[in-house]
Amino acid sequence: MVKTEKINGVLVVRFDNIDRFNALITEPVKEKLKGFYTHTGIKMALSLDGIRFIDSTGFGVFLSILKTANNNQGQFKICNISSEVMELFKLLQLHNVFELYENLDDCLKSFS
């Protein structure tokens, strides 16, 4: 469901063979991502490459992960957002809440 790798001390998370982040898959993804923040100071970049739609439960997961990261002195940033999904972020005013980046390179640079 998700793939992870470490790049320059940042945990990069990608969805595996998923193009819709909706209520059918949000709970296991949320538990997996929250589990990475068991230690303080974790830096996570979530790549939405390939994701074409996110429903309200998906955005709820992002908010929950951001809260968990902040509570554990961690960081949570999102990148590789399609234009369709970016419209949803803007419609919900969440582009003001999250650190959003056009690509993974820019996102990784923002951690230093």
C-alpha atoms as a PDB file:
ATOM      1  CA  MET A   1       0.000   0.000   0.000  1.00  0.00           C
ATOM      2  CA  VAL A   2       2.854   2.396   0.840  1.00  0.00           C
ATOM      3  CA  LYS A   3       6.566   2.217   0.082  1.00  0.00           C
ATOM      4  CA  THR A   4       9.205   3.987   2.116  1.00  0.00           C
ATOM      5  CA  GLU A   5      12.828   4.929   1.695  1.00  0.00           C
ATOM      6  CA  LYS A   6      15.274   7.190   3.528  1.00  0.00           C
ATOM      7  CA  ILE A   7      16.875  10.010   1.540  1.00  0.00           C
ATOM      8  CA  ASN A   8      19.293  12.315   3.367  1.00  0.00           C
ATOM      9  CA  GLY A   9      17.664  11.568   6.722  1.00  0.00           C
ATOM     10  CA  VAL A  10      14.130  12.146   5.424  1.00  0.00           C
ATOM     11  CA  LEU A  11      11.595   9.324   5.328  1.00  0.00           C
ATOM     12  CA  VAL A  12      10.027   9.439   1.855  1.00  0.00           C
ATOM     13  CA  VAL A  13       6.634   7.741   1.635  1.00  0.00           C
ATOM     14  CA  ARG A  14       4.970   6.848  -1.661  1.00  0.00           C
ATOM     15  CA  PHE A  15       1.701   5.125  -2.463  1.00  0.00           C
ATOM     16  CA  ASP A  16       2.047   1.820  -4.289  1.00  0.00           C
ATOM     17  CA  ASN A  17      -0.396   1.175  -7.148  1.00  0.00           C
ATOM     18  CA  ILE A  18      -3.023   3.560  -5.755  1.00  0.00           C
ATOM     19  CA  ASP A  19      -4.586   6.489  -7.607  1.00  0.00           C
ATOM     20  CA  ARG A  20      -7.418   7.317  -5.176  1.00  0.00           C
ATOM     21  CA  PHE A  21      -6.836   7.984  -1.478  1.00  0.00           C
ATOM     22  CA  ASN A  22     -10.280   7.423  -0.025  1.00  0.00           C
ATOM     23  CA  ALA A  23     -12.177   5.840   2.865  1.00  0.00           C
ATOM     24  CA  LEU A  24     -11.471   2.329   1.585  1.00  0.00           C
ATOM     25  CA  ILE A  25      -7.765   2.547   2.437  1.00  0.00           C
ATOM     26  CA  THR A  26      -7.248   5.498   4.781  1.00  0.00           C
ATOM     27  CA  GLU A  27      -7.268   3.716   8.140  1.00  0.00           C
ATOM     28  CA  PRO A  28      -4.377   1.277   7.515  1.00  0.00           C
ATOM     29  CA  VAL A  29      -2.354   4.047   5.849  1.00  0.00           C
ATOM     30  CA  LYS A  30      -2.977   6.380   8.798  1.00  0.00           C
ATOM     31  CA  GLU A  31      -1.832   3.774  11.316  1.00  0.00           C
ATOM     32  CA  LYS A  32       1.281   2.997   9.275  1.00  0.00           C
ATOM     33  CA  LEU A  33       2.265   6.673   8.901  1.00  0.00           C
ATOM     34  CA  LYS A  34       1.549   7.512  12.548  1.00  0.00           C
ATOM     35  CA  GLY A  35       3.723   4.555  13.534  1.00  0.00           C
ATOM     36  CA  PHE A  36       6.763   6.249  12.015  1.00  0.00           C
ATOM     37  CA  TYR A  37       6.477   9.055  14.587  1.00  0.00           C
ATOM     38  CA  THR A  38       7.162   6.859  17.625  1.00  0.00           C
ATOM     39  CA  HIS A  39      10.491   8.680  17.942  1.00  0.00           C
ATOM     40  CA  THR A  40      10.886  12.444  18.101  1.00  0.00           C
ATOM     41  CA  GLY A  41      12.307  14.485  15.249  1.00  0.00           C
ATOM     42  CA  ILE A  42      11.163  12.294  12.357  1.00  0.00           C
ATOM     43  CA  LYS A  43      11.128  14.088   9.001  1.00  0.00           C
ATOM     44  CA  MET A  44       8.595  12.749   6.490  1.00  0.00           C
ATOM     45  CA  ALA A  45       7.916  13.689   2.881  1.00  0.00           C
ATOM     46  CA  LEU A  46       4.720  12.209   1.454  1.00  0.00           C
ATOM     47  CA  SER A  47       4.753  11.941  -2.335  1.00  0.00           C
ATOM     48  CA  LEU A  48       1.312  12.016  -3.931  1.00  0.00           C
ATOM     49  CA  ASP A  49       2.720  11.036  -7.318  1.00  0.00           C
ATOM     50  CA  GLY A  50       0.002   9.084  -9.153  1.00  0.00           C
ATOM     51  CA  ILE A  51      -2.804  10.141  -6.803  1.00  0.00           C
ATOM     52  CA  ARG A  52      -5.647  11.701  -8.792  1.00  0.00           C
ATOM     53  CA  PHE A  53      -8.320  11.985  -6.085  1.00  0.00           C
ATOM     54  CA  ILE A  54      -8.478  12.383  -2.302  1.00  0.00           C
ATOM     55  CA  ASP A  55     -11.724  12.350  -0.332  1.00  0.00           C
ATOM     56  CA  SER A  56     -12.437  13.937   3.045  1.00  0.00           C
ATOM     57  CA  THR A  57     -11.149  10.929   4.971  1.00  0.00           C
ATOM     58  CA  GLY A  58      -7.858  11.185   3.094  1.00  0.00           C
ATOM     59  CA  PHE A  59      -7.457  14.843   4.031  1.00  0.00           C
ATOM     60  CA  GLY A  60      -8.385  13.866   7.590  1.00  0.00           C
ATOM     61  CA  VAL A  61      -5.472  11.419   7.594  1.00  0.00           C
ATOM     62  CA  PHE A  62      -3.092  14.165   6.477  1.00  0.00           C
ATOM     63  CA  LEU A  63      -4.303  16.439   9.299  1.00  0.00           C
ATOM     64  CA  SER A  64      -3.925  13.622  11.826  1.00  0.00           C
ATOM     65  CA  ILE A  65      -0.374  12.870  10.644  1.00  0.00           C
ATOM     66  CA  LEU A  66       0.553  16.571  10.785  1.00  0.00           C
ATOM     67  CA  LYS A  67      -0.720  16.764  14.371  1.00  0.00           C
ATOM     68  CA  THR A  68       1.191  13.613  15.335  1.00  0.00           C
ATOM     69  CA  ALA A  69       4.363  14.970  13.711  1.00  0.00           C
ATOM     70  CA  ASN A  70       4.041  18.316  15.513  1.00  0.00           C
ATOM     71  CA  ASN A  71       3.410  16.588  18.849  1.00  0.00           C
ATOM     72  CA  ASN A  72       6.631  14.597  18.395  1.00  0.00           C
ATOM     73  CA  GLN A  73       8.833  17.492  17.218  1.00  0.00           C
ATOM     74  CA  GLY A  74       8.714  15.999  13.726  1.00  0.00           C
ATOM     75  CA  GLN A  75       8.004  17.380  10.296  1.00  0.00           C
ATOM     76  CA  PHE A  76       5.453  16.340   7.676  1.00  0.00           C
ATOM     77  CA  LYS A  77       5.491  17.743   4.139  1.00  0.00           C
ATOM     78  CA  ILE A  78       3.663  16.781   0.948  1.00  0.00           C
ATOM     79  CA  CYS A  79       4.942  16.829  -2.636  1.00  0.00           C
ATOM     80  CA  ASN A  80       4.235  15.693  -6.204  1.00  0.00           C
ATOM     81  CA  ILE A  81       0.634  16.879  -6.109  1.00  0.00           C
ATOM     82  CA  SER A  82      -1.409  16.633  -9.298  1.00  0.00           C
ATOM     83  CA  SER A  83      -3.302  19.709 -10.467  1.00  0.00           C
ATOM     84  CA  GLU A  84      -6.637  18.014  -9.671  1.00  0.00           C
ATOM     85  CA  VAL A  85      -5.597  17.227  -6.114  1.00  0.00           C
ATOM     86  CA  MET A  86      -4.048  20.684  -5.650  1.00  0.00           C
ATOM     87  CA  GLU A  87      -7.445  22.170  -6.520  1.00  0.00           C
ATOM     88  CA  LEU A  88      -8.933  20.154  -3.651  1.00  0.00           C
ATOM     89  CA  PHE A  89      -6.228  21.395  -1.252  1.00  0.00           C
ATOM     90  CA  LYS A  90      -7.058  24.964  -2.282  1.00  0.00           C
ATOM     91  CA  LEU A  91     -10.822  24.465  -2.147  1.00  0.00           C
ATOM     92  CA  LEU A  92     -10.488  23.243   1.443  1.00  0.00           C
ATOM     93  CA  GLN A  93      -7.945  25.987   2.274  1.00  0.00           C
ATOM     94  CA  LEU A  94      -5.474  23.258   3.273  1.00  0.00           C
ATOM     95  CA  HIS A  95      -2.701  24.737   1.118  1.00  0.00           C
ATOM     96  CA  ASN A  96      -2.396  27.204   4.027  1.00  0.00           C
ATOM     97  CA  VAL A  97      -2.044  24.388   6.576  1.00  0.00           C
ATOM     98  CA  PHE A  98       0.459  22.035   4.948  1.00  0.00           C
ATOM     99  CA  GLU A  99       3.873  22.591   3.456  1.00  0.00           C
ATOM    100  CA  LEU A 100       3.271  21.611  -0.170  1.00  0.00           C
ATOM    101  CA  TYR A 101       5.973  21.196  -2.801  1.00  0.00           C
ATOM    102  CA  GLU A 102       5.811  20.698  -6.545  1.00  0.00           C
ATOM    103  CA  ASN A 103       8.437  17.934  -6.558  1.00  0.00           C
ATOM    104  CA  LEU A 104      10.406  15.691  -4.238  1.00  0.00           C
ATOM    105  CA  ASP A 105      13.712  17.506  -4.742  1.00  0.00           C
ATOM    106  CA  ASP A 106      12.295  20.843  -3.567  1.00  0.00           C
ATOM    107  CA  CYS A 107      10.610  19.101  -0.665  1.00  0.00           C
ATOM    108  CA  LEU A 108      13.823  17.381   0.436  1.00  0.00           C
ATOM    109  CA  LYS A 109      15.793  20.648   0.188  1.00  0.00           C
ATOM    110  CA  SER A 110      13.246  22.356   2.477  1.00  0.00           C
ATOM    111  CA  PHE A 111      14.221  20.063   5.368  1.00  0.00           C
ATOM    112  CA  SER A 112      17.789  21.394   5.594  1.00  0.00           C
END
